[in-house]
């Protein structure tokens, strides 16, 4: 089939995928499943928030139809990736459609000039002295299958952190403290909530100080520390700040929940307001777009924190798949500039 014949079909599937995503987000707004969605995203954190929702929704539909035996997916990968792992998709099982990146190569002799990057044709060679990068230019539909839809040898599961009630994972407190200090903030402990006007923790950007109550158990103190680190990463003067304070608190608590879930911690006590309350209260904003933007900001912040922590974490369900970003090609001339205005988007996730 030619590209000209295939492209309309691809666009039709992308439209179908977008409609399905909007329905999934609307269902999230109308329920109290935000925490469940974040816990799921913590396990599938290598995928965008939108793709996590798509996988979650399609697997839930398959479970209701009786075609899979588990209510929640555990590992997903593409058809060939499952084959490479020695497993095969069971006949009759339908894949879950997600967004995957379209990529192209870009070249320039002046990498610091964002407007100078030009897209190379499929077999075109760069000119002498040009730097070359691979960037994302758009989206295409792709399919993944959960392990429950495949047969073959089991996938080895890494050990899970074992926690006692009220305990914090080994090394998590010290790891979060180190990240806070790397941001130029100091950490102090206060005797009780009265010292913080009833709060469990507080971040003072003017004095670059974080304070946490010490009269809580280790798990609660650690969760509060993750919450304050999220404020530093997301809502400080040198980061993209939200004007809506309610969503800022939702984001910080959501990042803390994802960090906790990735360490096998109990998240039952996490108090995140229903999506209906905060997503619909932003002036001149569509609630669906607010949820999508918030979810992706939370996922990116949580992933950055988790990748920087030297702790034992619950498996991120990382298997080779179509959404994983292509490795950048070797540069003839090394540079840190990204060809933003030339077209490619060097982000890790789609949609």
Protein backbone atom coordinates (compact mmCIF):
# COMPACT_ATOMS: atom_id res chain seq x y z
CA UNK A 1 0.00 0.00 0.00
CA UNK A 2 1.38 3.44 -0.93
CA UNK A 3 1.90 6.23 1.58
CA UNK A 4 -0.82 8.21 -0.19
CA UNK A 5 -3.32 5.38 0.38
CA UNK A 6 -2.13 4.63 3.91
CA UNK A 7 -2.14 8.23 5.19
CA UNK A 8 -5.97 8.72 5.13
CA UNK A 9 -6.37 5.46 7.05
CA UNK A 10 -3.77 6.64 9.56
CA UNK A 11 -5.53 9.98 9.97
CA UNK A 12 -8.84 8.19 10.48
CA UNK A 13 -7.31 6.05 13.21
CA UNK A 14 -5.74 9.10 14.84
CA UNK A 15 -9.15 10.78 14.90
CA UNK A 16 -10.63 7.63 16.42
CA UNK A 17 -7.84 7.56 18.98
CA UNK A 18 -8.38 11.20 19.88
CA UNK A 19 -12.12 10.65 20.35
CA UNK A 20 -11.43 7.64 22.57
CA UNK A 21 -8.96 9.67 24.63
CA UNK A 22 -11.46 12.49 25.14
CA UNK A 23 -14.07 9.98 26.28
CA UNK A 24 -11.56 8.47 28.70
CA UNK A 25 -10.69 11.85 30.18
CA UNK A 26 -14.35 12.81 30.46
CA UNK A 27 -15.02 9.55 32.31
CA UNK A 28 -12.15 10.42 34.64
CA UNK A 29 -13.68 13.83 35.33
CA UNK A 30 -17.05 12.29 36.13
CA UNK A 31 -15.63 9.77 38.62
CA UNK A 32 -13.29 9.69 41.61
CA UNK A 33 -10.65 7.66 39.78
CA UNK A 34 -7.87 10.29 39.66
CA UNK A 35 -5.86 8.49 42.34
CA UNK A 36 -6.30 5.13 40.59
CA UNK A 37 -5.20 6.68 37.30
CA UNK A 38 -2.05 8.08 38.94
CA UNK A 39 -1.23 4.77 40.62
CA UNK A 40 -1.59 3.11 37.23
CA UNK A 41 0.56 5.80 35.58
CA UNK A 42 3.23 5.24 38.24
CA UNK A 43 3.64 1.69 36.99
CA UNK A 44 3.48 2.70 33.32
CA UNK A 45 5.51 5.86 33.84
CA UNK A 46 7.58 5.44 30.68
CA UNK A 47 4.43 6.20 28.69
CA UNK A 48 2.65 9.51 28.36
CA UNK A 49 -0.33 10.21 30.60
CA UNK A 50 -2.63 10.13 27.57
CA UNK A 51 -1.34 6.75 26.44
CA UNK A 52 -1.63 5.40 29.98
CA UNK A 53 -5.30 6.43 29.99
CA UNK A 54 -5.85 4.82 26.60
CA UNK A 55 -4.28 1.54 27.71
CA UNK A 56 -6.23 1.61 30.97
CA UNK A 57 -9.57 2.29 29.26
CA UNK A 58 -9.14 -0.30 26.51
CA UNK A 59 -7.99 -2.97 28.96
CA UNK A 60 -10.98 -2.22 31.20
CA UNK A 61 -13.28 -2.70 28.20
CA UNK A 62 -11.53 -5.99 27.34
CA UNK A 63 -11.94 -7.16 30.94
CA UNK A 64 -15.64 -6.30 30.91
CA UNK A 65 -16.01 -8.20 27.63
CA UNK A 66 -14.28 -11.21 29.19
CA UNK A 67 -11.38 -11.33 26.74
CA UNK A 68 -8.74 -10.77 29.48
CA UNK A 69 -8.80 -12.26 32.95
CA UNK A 70 -7.16 -9.44 34.94
CA UNK A 71 -8.81 -6.05 35.55
CA UNK A 72 -5.53 -4.11 35.32
CA UNK A 73 -2.73 -4.48 32.75
CA UNK A 74 0.74 -5.22 34.05
CA UNK A 75 3.12 -5.24 31.05
CA UNK A 76 2.37 -3.99 27.53
CA UNK A 77 4.48 -4.20 24.38
CA UNK A 78 4.18 -4.32 20.62
CA UNK A 79 3.63 -7.50 18.61
CA UNK A 80 7.26 -7.91 17.59
CA UNK A 81 8.51 -6.93 21.02
CA UNK A 82 6.52 -9.78 22.58
CA UNK A 83 8.00 -12.14 19.99
CA UNK A 84 11.50 -10.94 20.91
CA UNK A 85 10.69 -11.79 24.52
CA UNK A 86 9.66 -15.30 23.54
CA UNK A 87 5.94 -14.71 23.88
CA UNK A 88 3.23 -14.49 21.22
CA UNK A 89 -0.10 -12.71 21.03
CA UNK A 90 -3.00 -15.11 21.46
CA UNK A 91 -5.15 -15.44 18.34
CA UNK A 92 -8.21 -13.20 18.49
CA UNK A 93 -6.78 -10.71 20.96
CA UNK A 94 -7.13 -7.12 19.80
CA UNK A 95 -4.30 -4.70 20.49
CA UNK A 96 -4.73 -1.43 22.37
CA UNK A 97 -4.29 1.53 20.06
CA UNK A 98 -2.02 4.32 21.33
CA UNK A 99 -0.15 7.33 19.98
CA UNK A 100 3.40 6.68 18.76
CA UNK A 101 5.89 9.22 17.42
CA UNK A 102 6.65 9.99 13.80
CA UNK A 103 10.31 10.87 13.55
CA UNK A 104 12.66 12.42 11.03
CA UNK A 105 16.31 13.48 10.84
CA UNK A 106 17.23 17.16 10.92
CA UNK A 107 20.52 18.81 10.03
CA UNK A 108 22.19 22.20 10.36
CA UNK A 109 25.60 23.86 10.35
CA UNK A 110 24.49 26.31 13.08
CA UNK A 111 22.93 24.22 15.87
CA UNK A 112 22.34 27.20 18.16
CA UNK A 113 20.04 28.77 15.58
CA UNK A 114 16.74 26.95 16.08
CA UNK A 115 15.36 28.17 12.76
CA UNK A 116 18.28 26.72 10.79
CA UNK A 117 17.42 23.05 11.22
CA UNK A 118 16.14 21.41 8.04
CA UNK A 119 14.48 18.03 7.68
CA UNK A 120 16.42 15.45 5.71
CA UNK A 121 14.76 13.22 3.15
CA UNK A 122 14.68 9.49 4.07
CA UNK A 123 17.96 8.64 2.31
CA UNK A 124 19.50 12.11 2.21
CA UNK A 125 23.00 12.46 3.62
CA UNK A 126 23.92 15.52 5.70
CA UNK A 127 26.29 18.04 4.20
CA UNK A 128 29.89 18.19 5.42
CA UNK A 129 30.12 19.81 8.85
CA UNK A 130 26.42 19.49 9.64
CA UNK A 131 25.11 18.27 12.99
CA UNK A 132 22.31 15.72 12.72
CA UNK A 133 19.51 15.00 15.17
CA UNK A 134 16.41 12.86 15.22
CA UNK A 135 13.23 14.65 16.26
CA UNK A 136 9.54 13.95 16.61
CA UNK A 137 7.41 15.48 13.86
CA UNK A 138 3.97 14.10 14.62
CA UNK A 139 1.96 11.13 15.76
CA UNK A 140 0.84 7.83 14.29
CA UNK A 141 -1.39 5.06 15.62
CA UNK A 142 0.34 1.99 17.04
CA UNK A 143 -0.81 -1.11 18.89
CA UNK A 144 0.31 -2.77 22.10
CA UNK A 145 -0.88 -5.90 23.90
CA UNK A 146 -0.92 -6.68 27.59
CA UNK A 147 0.89 -9.77 28.82
CA UNK A 148 -2.53 -11.24 29.64
CA UNK A 149 -3.18 -11.33 25.88
CA UNK A 150 -0.03 -13.34 25.18
CA UNK A 151 1.32 -16.81 25.86
CA UNK A 152 4.85 -18.01 26.51
CA UNK A 153 7.47 -18.07 29.24
CA UNK A 154 6.91 -15.76 32.24
CA UNK A 155 8.53 -12.35 32.44
CA UNK A 156 10.93 -12.05 35.36
CA UNK A 157 9.59 -9.64 37.98
CA UNK A 158 12.14 -7.60 39.96
CA UNK A 159 11.76 -7.71 43.75
CA UNK A 160 9.24 -5.31 45.23
CA UNK A 161 10.06 -3.07 48.18
CA UNK A 162 8.74 -4.66 51.38
CA UNK A 163 7.33 -2.10 53.80
CA UNK A 164 6.00 -2.32 57.31
CA UNK A 165 2.97 -0.17 58.19
CA UNK A 166 4.08 3.40 58.71
CA UNK A 167 7.60 2.81 57.44
CA UNK A 168 9.23 4.64 54.56
CA UNK A 169 11.22 2.85 51.83
CA UNK A 170 14.92 2.56 52.55
CA UNK A 171 16.83 5.55 51.26
CA UNK A 172 13.77 7.51 50.08
CA UNK A 173 13.93 10.22 52.76
CA UNK A 174 17.64 10.81 52.24
CA UNK A 175 17.22 10.69 48.46
CA UNK A 176 14.44 13.30 48.47
CA UNK A 177 16.43 15.44 50.88
CA UNK A 178 19.42 15.35 48.53
CA UNK A 179 17.24 16.45 45.59
CA UNK A 180 15.83 19.34 47.62
CA UNK A 181 19.34 20.43 48.58
CA UNK A 182 20.43 20.19 44.93
CA UNK A 183 17.73 22.77 44.18
CA UNK A 184 19.40 25.09 46.70
CA UNK A 185 16.88 24.61 49.52
CA UNK A 186 17.57 23.67 53.13
CA UNK A 187 15.41 21.26 55.13
CA UNK A 188 14.34 21.73 58.74
CA UNK A 189 12.04 19.77 61.04
CA UNK A 190 9.39 21.45 63.19
CA UNK A 191 7.69 20.02 66.27
CA UNK A 192 4.08 19.92 65.08
CA UNK A 193 1.44 21.29 62.70
CA UNK A 194 0.92 24.39 64.84
CA UNK A 195 4.36 25.57 63.74
CA UNK A 196 3.14 25.45 60.12
CA UNK A 197 -0.36 26.88 60.60
CA UNK A 198 -1.86 23.40 60.47
CA UNK A 199 0.06 22.11 57.47
CA UNK A 200 2.27 19.03 57.31
CA UNK A 201 4.96 20.83 55.38
CA UNK A 202 5.81 24.16 53.80
CA UNK A 203 8.15 25.49 51.12
CA UNK A 204 9.42 29.04 51.53
CA UNK A 205 10.76 30.19 48.16
CA UNK A 206 11.96 33.58 49.42
CA UNK A 207 14.26 31.98 52.02
CA UNK A 208 14.69 28.72 50.06
CA UNK A 209 13.66 26.58 53.00
CA UNK A 210 11.51 23.46 53.37
CA UNK A 211 9.96 22.59 56.73
CA UNK A 212 8.29 19.27 57.63
CA UNK A 213 6.51 18.16 60.81
CA UNK A 214 8.46 15.63 62.82
CA UNK A 215 5.48 14.33 64.84
CA UNK A 216 4.33 12.03 61.99
CA UNK A 217 5.36 8.49 61.12
CA UNK A 218 8.17 7.96 58.65
CA UNK A 219 5.87 7.28 55.69
CA UNK A 220 3.86 10.46 56.25
CA UNK A 221 7.00 12.57 56.65
CA UNK A 222 8.45 11.13 53.45
CA UNK A 223 5.22 11.69 51.53
CA UNK A 224 5.21 15.32 52.71
CA UNK A 225 8.82 15.75 51.62
CA UNK A 226 7.94 14.47 48.13
CA UNK A 227 5.02 16.92 48.05
CA UNK A 228 7.31 19.86 48.87
CA UNK A 229 9.89 18.74 46.29
CA UNK A 230 7.10 18.71 43.69
CA UNK A 231 6.30 22.34 44.57
CA UNK A 232 9.95 23.24 44.09
CA UNK A 233 10.12 21.48 40.72
CA UNK A 234 6.77 22.68 39.37
CA UNK A 235 5.74 25.91 41.05
CA UNK A 236 8.85 27.90 41.83
CA UNK A 237 9.81 31.19 40.17
CA UNK A 238 12.12 29.41 37.71
CA UNK A 239 9.55 26.89 36.58
CA UNK A 240 6.25 27.13 34.73
CA UNK A 241 3.90 28.16 37.54
CA UNK A 242 0.15 27.73 37.57
CA UNK A 243 -2.00 30.70 38.51
CA UNK A 244 -4.62 28.39 39.99
CA UNK A 245 -3.44 27.48 43.50
CA UNK A 246 -5.86 24.55 43.81
CA UNK A 247 -4.33 22.79 40.83
CA UNK A 248 -0.86 23.54 42.19
CA UNK A 249 -1.76 21.61 45.34
CA UNK A 250 -3.31 18.82 43.28
CA UNK A 251 -0.13 18.57 41.22
CA UNK A 252 2.14 18.43 44.25
CA UNK A 253 0.03 15.79 45.99
CA UNK A 254 -0.27 13.82 42.76
CA UNK A 255 3.51 13.76 42.26
CA UNK A 256 3.90 12.60 45.87
CA UNK A 257 1.34 9.84 45.23
CA UNK A 258 3.19 8.63 42.14
CA UNK A 259 6.52 8.62 43.97
CA UNK A 260 4.92 6.67 46.81
CA UNK A 261 3.18 4.21 44.48
CA UNK A 262 6.44 3.57 42.64
CA UNK A 263 7.94 2.54 45.98
CA UNK A 264 5.09 0.25 46.97
CA UNK A 265 3.79 2.61 49.65
CA UNK A 266 0.15 2.69 50.79
CA UNK A 267 -1.61 5.64 49.13
CA UNK A 268 -5.01 5.24 50.81
CA UNK A 269 -4.48 8.33 52.96
CA UNK A 270 -3.72 10.62 50.03
CA UNK A 271 -6.38 13.32 49.85
CA UNK A 272 -6.65 14.64 46.30
CA UNK A 273 -9.84 16.60 45.49
CA UNK A 274 -12.15 15.10 42.90
CA UNK A 275 -11.28 16.06 39.34
CA UNK A 276 -14.75 17.58 38.96
CA UNK A 277 -13.86 20.22 41.56
CA UNK A 278 -10.46 21.43 40.40
CA UNK A 279 -10.56 20.83 36.65
CA UNK A 280 -13.80 22.73 36.14
CA UNK A 281 -12.80 25.67 38.31
CA UNK A 282 -10.10 27.05 36.01
CA UNK A 283 -11.43 30.13 34.20
CA UNK A 284 -11.64 30.00 30.42
CA UNK A 285 -10.24 26.45 30.26
CA UNK A 286 -11.69 23.18 29.05
CA UNK A 287 -11.78 20.59 31.84
CA UNK A 288 -10.55 17.81 29.52
CA UNK A 289 -7.51 19.87 28.51
CA UNK A 290 -6.82 20.79 32.16
CA UNK A 291 -6.82 17.12 33.19
CA UNK A 292 -4.55 16.10 30.31
CA UNK A 293 -2.07 18.92 30.96
CA UNK A 294 -2.06 18.31 34.70
CA UNK A 295 -1.63 14.57 34.28
CA UNK A 296 1.33 14.94 31.96
CA UNK A 297 3.01 17.60 34.12
CA UNK A 298 2.61 15.31 37.13
CA UNK A 299 3.98 12.30 35.25
CA UNK A 300 7.03 14.17 33.96
CA UNK A 301 7.84 15.62 37.37
CA UNK A 302 7.42 12.26 39.10
CA UNK A 303 9.52 10.44 36.51
CA UNK A 304 12.34 12.99 36.85
CA UNK A 305 12.33 12.54 40.62
CA UNK A 306 12.17 8.74 40.44
CA UNK A 307 15.00 8.54 37.93
CA UNK A 308 17.20 10.62 40.24
CA UNK A 309 16.52 8.49 43.33
CA UNK A 310 18.90 5.62 44.24
CA UNK A 311 16.05 3.56 45.70
CA UNK A 312 14.49 0.17 45.01
CA UNK A 313 11.30 0.85 43.09
CA UNK A 314 8.32 -1.10 41.81
CA UNK A 315 8.84 -2.17 38.19
CA UNK A 316 7.94 0.56 35.73
CA UNK A 317 6.63 -2.10 33.35
CA UNK A 318 9.26 -1.04 30.82
CA UNK A 319 9.28 -3.31 27.80
CA UNK A 320 10.38 -2.46 24.26
CA UNK A 321 7.49 -0.66 22.63
CA UNK A 322 6.57 1.80 19.86
CA UNK A 323 6.29 4.75 22.18
CA UNK A 324 9.84 4.59 23.49
CA UNK A 325 11.87 7.44 21.97
CA UNK A 326 14.46 6.76 19.31
CA UNK A 327 18.06 7.14 20.33
CA UNK A 328 19.63 10.28 18.99
CA UNK A 329 22.03 9.73 16.17
CA UNK A 330 25.69 10.45 16.64
CA UNK A 331 26.46 14.05 15.86
CA UNK A 332 29.24 15.03 13.53
CA UNK A 333 29.48 18.14 15.66
CA UNK A 334 28.34 17.82 19.24
CA UNK A 335 25.77 20.36 20.45
CA UNK A 336 23.09 20.68 23.10
CA UNK A 337 20.77 22.76 20.96
CA UNK A 338 17.46 21.25 19.92
CA UNK A 339 15.82 22.04 16.57
CA UNK A 340 12.59 23.31 18.11
CA UNK A 341 11.30 25.61 15.41
CA UNK A 342 12.44 23.35 12.60
CA UNK A 343 9.79 20.80 13.46
CA UNK A 344 11.05 17.95 15.63
CA UNK A 345 10.00 17.71 19.25
CA UNK A 346 12.64 15.90 21.31
CA UNK A 347 10.29 15.06 24.18
CA UNK A 348 9.97 11.52 25.51
CA UNK A 349 6.27 10.98 25.04
CA UNK A 350 3.53 11.58 22.57
CA UNK A 351 0.13 13.23 22.87
